[in-house]
N, C-alpha and C. Protein backbone atom coordinates (compact mmCIF):
# COMPACT_ATOMS: atom_id res chain seq x y z
N MET A 1 18.31 -122.06 -120.52
CA MET A 1 17.51 -121.68 -119.39
C MET A 1 16.23 -122.52 -119.30
N VAL A 2 15.47 -122.63 -120.42
CA VAL A 2 14.25 -123.43 -120.45
C VAL A 2 14.58 -124.89 -120.21
N GLU A 3 15.69 -125.36 -120.76
CA GLU A 3 16.09 -126.75 -120.58
C GLU A 3 16.41 -127.03 -119.11
N LEU A 4 16.97 -126.07 -118.43
CA LEU A 4 17.27 -126.22 -117.00
C LEU A 4 15.98 -126.34 -116.20
N ILE A 5 15.00 -125.52 -116.52
CA ILE A 5 13.71 -125.58 -115.82
C ILE A 5 13.02 -126.91 -116.09
N ILE A 6 13.01 -127.35 -117.34
CA ILE A 6 12.38 -128.62 -117.70
C ILE A 6 13.08 -129.78 -117.01
N SER A 7 14.39 -129.75 -116.94
CA SER A 7 15.12 -130.84 -116.28
C SER A 7 14.83 -130.89 -114.79
N GLN A 8 14.52 -129.75 -114.17
CA GLN A 8 14.21 -129.74 -112.75
C GLN A 8 12.74 -130.10 -112.49
N ILE A 9 11.85 -129.80 -113.41
CA ILE A 9 10.41 -130.07 -113.24
C ILE A 9 10.06 -131.50 -113.65
N TRP A 10 10.85 -132.11 -114.52
CA TRP A 10 10.56 -133.42 -115.08
C TRP A 10 10.16 -134.47 -114.02
N PRO A 11 10.89 -134.64 -112.91
CA PRO A 11 10.49 -135.65 -111.92
C PRO A 11 9.12 -135.36 -111.31
N TYR A 12 8.78 -134.09 -111.12
CA TYR A 12 7.49 -133.73 -110.56
C TYR A 12 6.35 -134.03 -111.55
N LEU A 13 6.60 -133.80 -112.82
CA LEU A 13 5.60 -134.12 -113.84
C LEU A 13 5.34 -135.63 -113.89
N LEU A 14 6.41 -136.41 -113.83
CA LEU A 14 6.24 -137.87 -113.81
C LEU A 14 5.47 -138.32 -112.58
N GLY A 15 5.78 -137.70 -111.43
CA GLY A 15 5.05 -138.04 -110.20
C GLY A 15 3.57 -137.69 -110.31
N ALA A 16 3.26 -136.53 -110.89
CA ALA A 16 1.86 -136.12 -111.05
C ALA A 16 1.13 -137.06 -112.00
N ILE A 17 1.78 -137.44 -113.09
CA ILE A 17 1.17 -138.38 -114.04
C ILE A 17 0.94 -139.74 -113.36
N GLY A 18 1.88 -140.16 -112.55
CA GLY A 18 1.73 -141.42 -111.81
C GLY A 18 0.56 -141.36 -110.83
N LEU A 19 0.40 -140.24 -110.15
CA LEU A 19 -0.73 -140.09 -109.22
C LEU A 19 -2.07 -140.14 -109.95
N VAL A 20 -2.14 -139.46 -111.08
CA VAL A 20 -3.38 -139.48 -111.87
C VAL A 20 -3.68 -140.90 -112.36
N ALA A 21 -2.66 -141.59 -112.83
CA ALA A 21 -2.86 -142.97 -113.29
C ALA A 21 -3.30 -143.88 -112.14
N ALA A 22 -2.69 -143.70 -110.96
CA ALA A 22 -3.07 -144.51 -109.80
C ALA A 22 -4.51 -144.22 -109.39
N TYR A 23 -4.92 -142.96 -109.47
CA TYR A 23 -6.30 -142.59 -109.12
C TYR A 23 -7.28 -143.31 -110.04
N PHE A 24 -7.04 -143.25 -111.35
CA PHE A 24 -7.96 -143.89 -112.28
C PHE A 24 -7.95 -145.42 -112.14
N ALA A 25 -6.81 -146.00 -111.84
CA ALA A 25 -6.74 -147.45 -111.64
C ALA A 25 -7.54 -147.86 -110.41
N ALA A 26 -7.41 -147.10 -109.33
CA ALA A 26 -8.16 -147.41 -108.11
C ALA A 26 -9.66 -147.21 -108.34
N ARG A 27 -10.01 -146.21 -109.11
CA ARG A 27 -11.41 -145.94 -109.39
C ARG A 27 -12.03 -147.10 -110.18
N GLN A 28 -11.34 -147.57 -111.19
CA GLN A 28 -11.82 -148.70 -111.97
C GLN A 28 -11.96 -149.96 -111.11
N SER A 29 -10.99 -150.16 -110.22
CA SER A 29 -11.04 -151.32 -109.34
C SER A 29 -12.27 -151.24 -108.43
N GLY A 30 -12.55 -150.06 -107.92
CA GLY A 30 -13.73 -149.87 -107.08
C GLY A 30 -15.02 -150.10 -107.82
N LYS A 31 -15.08 -149.65 -109.07
CA LYS A 31 -16.28 -149.87 -109.89
C LYS A 31 -16.52 -151.36 -110.10
N ALA A 32 -15.44 -152.07 -110.42
CA ALA A 32 -15.56 -153.51 -110.67
C ALA A 32 -16.03 -154.24 -109.41
N ALA A 33 -15.49 -153.86 -108.26
CA ALA A 33 -15.90 -154.49 -107.01
C ALA A 33 -17.37 -154.18 -106.71
N GLY A 34 -17.80 -152.96 -107.00
CA GLY A 34 -19.19 -152.59 -106.79
C GLY A 34 -20.14 -153.37 -107.69
N ARG A 35 -19.74 -153.56 -108.93
CA ARG A 35 -20.57 -154.33 -109.85
C ARG A 35 -20.68 -155.79 -109.39
N GLN A 36 -19.58 -156.35 -108.93
CA GLN A 36 -19.59 -157.74 -108.45
C GLN A 36 -20.50 -157.88 -107.24
N GLU A 37 -20.42 -156.91 -106.33
CA GLU A 37 -21.26 -156.94 -105.13
C GLU A 37 -22.74 -156.85 -105.51
N THR A 38 -23.05 -155.99 -106.48
CA THR A 38 -24.43 -155.84 -106.92
C THR A 38 -24.93 -157.13 -107.55
N ARG A 39 -24.09 -157.79 -108.36
CA ARG A 39 -24.48 -159.05 -108.97
C ARG A 39 -24.79 -160.10 -107.91
N GLN A 40 -23.98 -160.14 -106.86
CA GLN A 40 -24.20 -161.12 -105.79
C GLN A 40 -25.51 -160.83 -105.07
N GLU A 41 -25.82 -159.56 -104.83
CA GLU A 41 -27.08 -159.21 -104.17
C GLU A 41 -28.27 -159.60 -105.04
N ILE A 42 -28.16 -159.36 -106.34
CA ILE A 42 -29.26 -159.72 -107.25
C ILE A 42 -29.44 -161.23 -107.27
N THR A 43 -28.35 -161.97 -107.30
CA THR A 43 -28.43 -163.43 -107.30
C THR A 43 -29.10 -163.94 -106.03
N LYS A 44 -28.75 -163.35 -104.89
CA LYS A 44 -29.39 -163.75 -103.63
C LYS A 44 -30.87 -163.43 -103.65
N ALA A 45 -31.24 -162.27 -104.17
CA ALA A 45 -32.65 -161.88 -104.23
C ALA A 45 -33.43 -162.80 -105.16
N GLU A 46 -32.83 -163.17 -106.30
CA GLU A 46 -33.49 -164.09 -107.22
C GLU A 46 -33.68 -165.46 -106.58
N ALA A 47 -32.69 -165.93 -105.85
CA ALA A 47 -32.81 -167.23 -105.18
C ALA A 47 -33.91 -167.19 -104.13
N ALA A 48 -34.01 -166.09 -103.39
CA ALA A 48 -35.07 -165.96 -102.38
C ALA A 48 -36.44 -165.93 -103.04
N ALA A 49 -36.55 -165.25 -104.18
CA ALA A 49 -37.83 -165.19 -104.89
C ALA A 49 -38.23 -166.57 -105.42
N ARG A 50 -37.25 -167.32 -105.94
CA ARG A 50 -37.55 -168.68 -106.42
C ARG A 50 -38.01 -169.58 -105.27
N LYS A 51 -37.36 -169.45 -104.12
CA LYS A 51 -37.74 -170.26 -102.97
C LYS A 51 -39.15 -169.92 -102.51
N GLU A 52 -39.47 -168.63 -102.46
CA GLU A 52 -40.80 -168.21 -102.05
C GLU A 52 -41.86 -168.72 -103.03
N ALA A 53 -41.57 -168.63 -104.33
CA ALA A 53 -42.52 -169.11 -105.33
C ALA A 53 -42.72 -170.62 -105.19
N ARG A 54 -41.63 -171.34 -104.94
CA ARG A 54 -41.73 -172.80 -104.76
C ARG A 54 -42.56 -173.13 -103.53
N ASP A 55 -42.34 -172.39 -102.43
CA ASP A 55 -43.11 -172.63 -101.21
C ASP A 55 -44.60 -172.37 -101.42
N VAL A 56 -44.92 -171.29 -102.13
CA VAL A 56 -46.33 -170.98 -102.40
C VAL A 56 -46.94 -172.05 -103.29
N GLU A 57 -46.20 -172.51 -104.27
CA GLU A 57 -46.72 -173.54 -105.16
C GLU A 57 -46.97 -174.84 -104.39
N LEU A 58 -46.05 -175.22 -103.53
CA LEU A 58 -46.25 -176.43 -102.73
C LEU A 58 -47.45 -176.28 -101.80
N GLU A 59 -47.60 -175.10 -101.24
CA GLU A 59 -48.72 -174.86 -100.33
C GLU A 59 -50.06 -174.94 -101.08
N THR A 60 -50.12 -174.33 -102.26
CA THR A 60 -51.38 -174.37 -103.01
C THR A 60 -51.66 -175.75 -103.59
N ASP A 61 -50.61 -176.51 -103.91
CA ASP A 61 -50.83 -177.87 -104.39
C ASP A 61 -51.46 -178.74 -103.31
N ALA A 62 -51.18 -178.44 -102.06
CA ALA A 62 -51.71 -179.24 -100.95
C ALA A 62 -53.13 -178.83 -100.57
N MET A 63 -53.60 -177.69 -101.09
CA MET A 63 -54.92 -177.19 -100.72
C MET A 63 -56.00 -177.74 -101.65
N ALA A 64 -57.22 -177.78 -101.12
CA ALA A 64 -58.36 -178.15 -101.95
C ALA A 64 -58.76 -176.94 -102.80
N ASP A 65 -59.50 -177.20 -103.88
CA ASP A 65 -59.89 -176.11 -104.78
C ASP A 65 -60.74 -175.06 -104.07
N SER A 66 -61.63 -175.50 -103.21
CA SER A 66 -62.49 -174.53 -102.52
C SER A 66 -61.67 -173.65 -101.57
N ASP A 67 -60.64 -174.22 -100.95
CA ASP A 67 -59.78 -173.42 -100.07
C ASP A 67 -58.99 -172.39 -100.87
N ILE A 68 -58.55 -172.78 -102.05
CA ILE A 68 -57.82 -171.83 -102.91
C ILE A 68 -58.74 -170.69 -103.32
N ASP A 69 -59.98 -171.03 -103.68
CA ASP A 69 -60.94 -169.99 -104.06
C ASP A 69 -61.18 -169.02 -102.92
N ASP A 70 -61.29 -169.55 -101.70
CA ASP A 70 -61.51 -168.69 -100.53
C ASP A 70 -60.32 -167.75 -100.31
N ASP A 71 -59.10 -168.25 -100.49
CA ASP A 71 -57.91 -167.41 -100.31
C ASP A 71 -57.78 -166.36 -101.42
N LEU A 72 -58.22 -166.71 -102.62
CA LEU A 72 -58.10 -165.77 -103.73
C LEU A 72 -59.04 -164.57 -103.59
N ILE A 73 -60.11 -164.73 -102.84
CA ILE A 73 -61.05 -163.62 -102.65
C ILE A 73 -60.34 -162.40 -102.07
N LYS A 74 -59.30 -162.63 -101.26
CA LYS A 74 -58.55 -161.51 -100.66
C LYS A 74 -57.85 -160.68 -101.73
N TRP A 75 -57.49 -161.31 -102.85
CA TRP A 75 -56.66 -160.65 -103.84
C TRP A 75 -57.44 -160.12 -105.04
N VAL A 76 -58.69 -160.52 -105.18
CA VAL A 76 -59.50 -160.10 -106.33
C VAL A 76 -60.33 -158.89 -105.94
N ARG A 77 -60.35 -157.89 -106.80
CA ARG A 77 -61.17 -156.70 -106.54
C ARG A 77 -62.63 -157.04 -106.74
N LYS A 78 -63.42 -156.44 -105.88
CA LYS A 78 -64.87 -156.62 -106.04
C LYS A 78 -65.36 -155.62 -107.09
N PRO A 79 -66.23 -156.04 -107.98
CA PRO A 79 -66.71 -155.11 -109.00
C PRO A 79 -67.55 -154.00 -108.38
N LYS A 80 -67.42 -152.81 -108.93
CA LYS A 80 -68.21 -151.68 -108.45
C LYS A 80 -69.60 -151.78 -109.03
N ARG A 81 -70.59 -151.46 -108.22
CA ARG A 81 -71.98 -151.54 -108.70
C ARG A 81 -72.60 -150.20 -108.76
């Protein structure tokens, strides 16, 4: 009797195990794709930051010392008296 029930349920158990395995495989694939996308975004952001730093450096190299001092006043806190 138990063997008859097991023989009839067996295909459904295999199907359920297959669905669970497919779920976890798809989940891992999605995680990997998300990590790759995040790496690409970080790489783009780093490249933009390097370009901005290079542009600022070129701009300040072309300026006279007194002009640089005048521009730095915007960024330096005034001491409290």
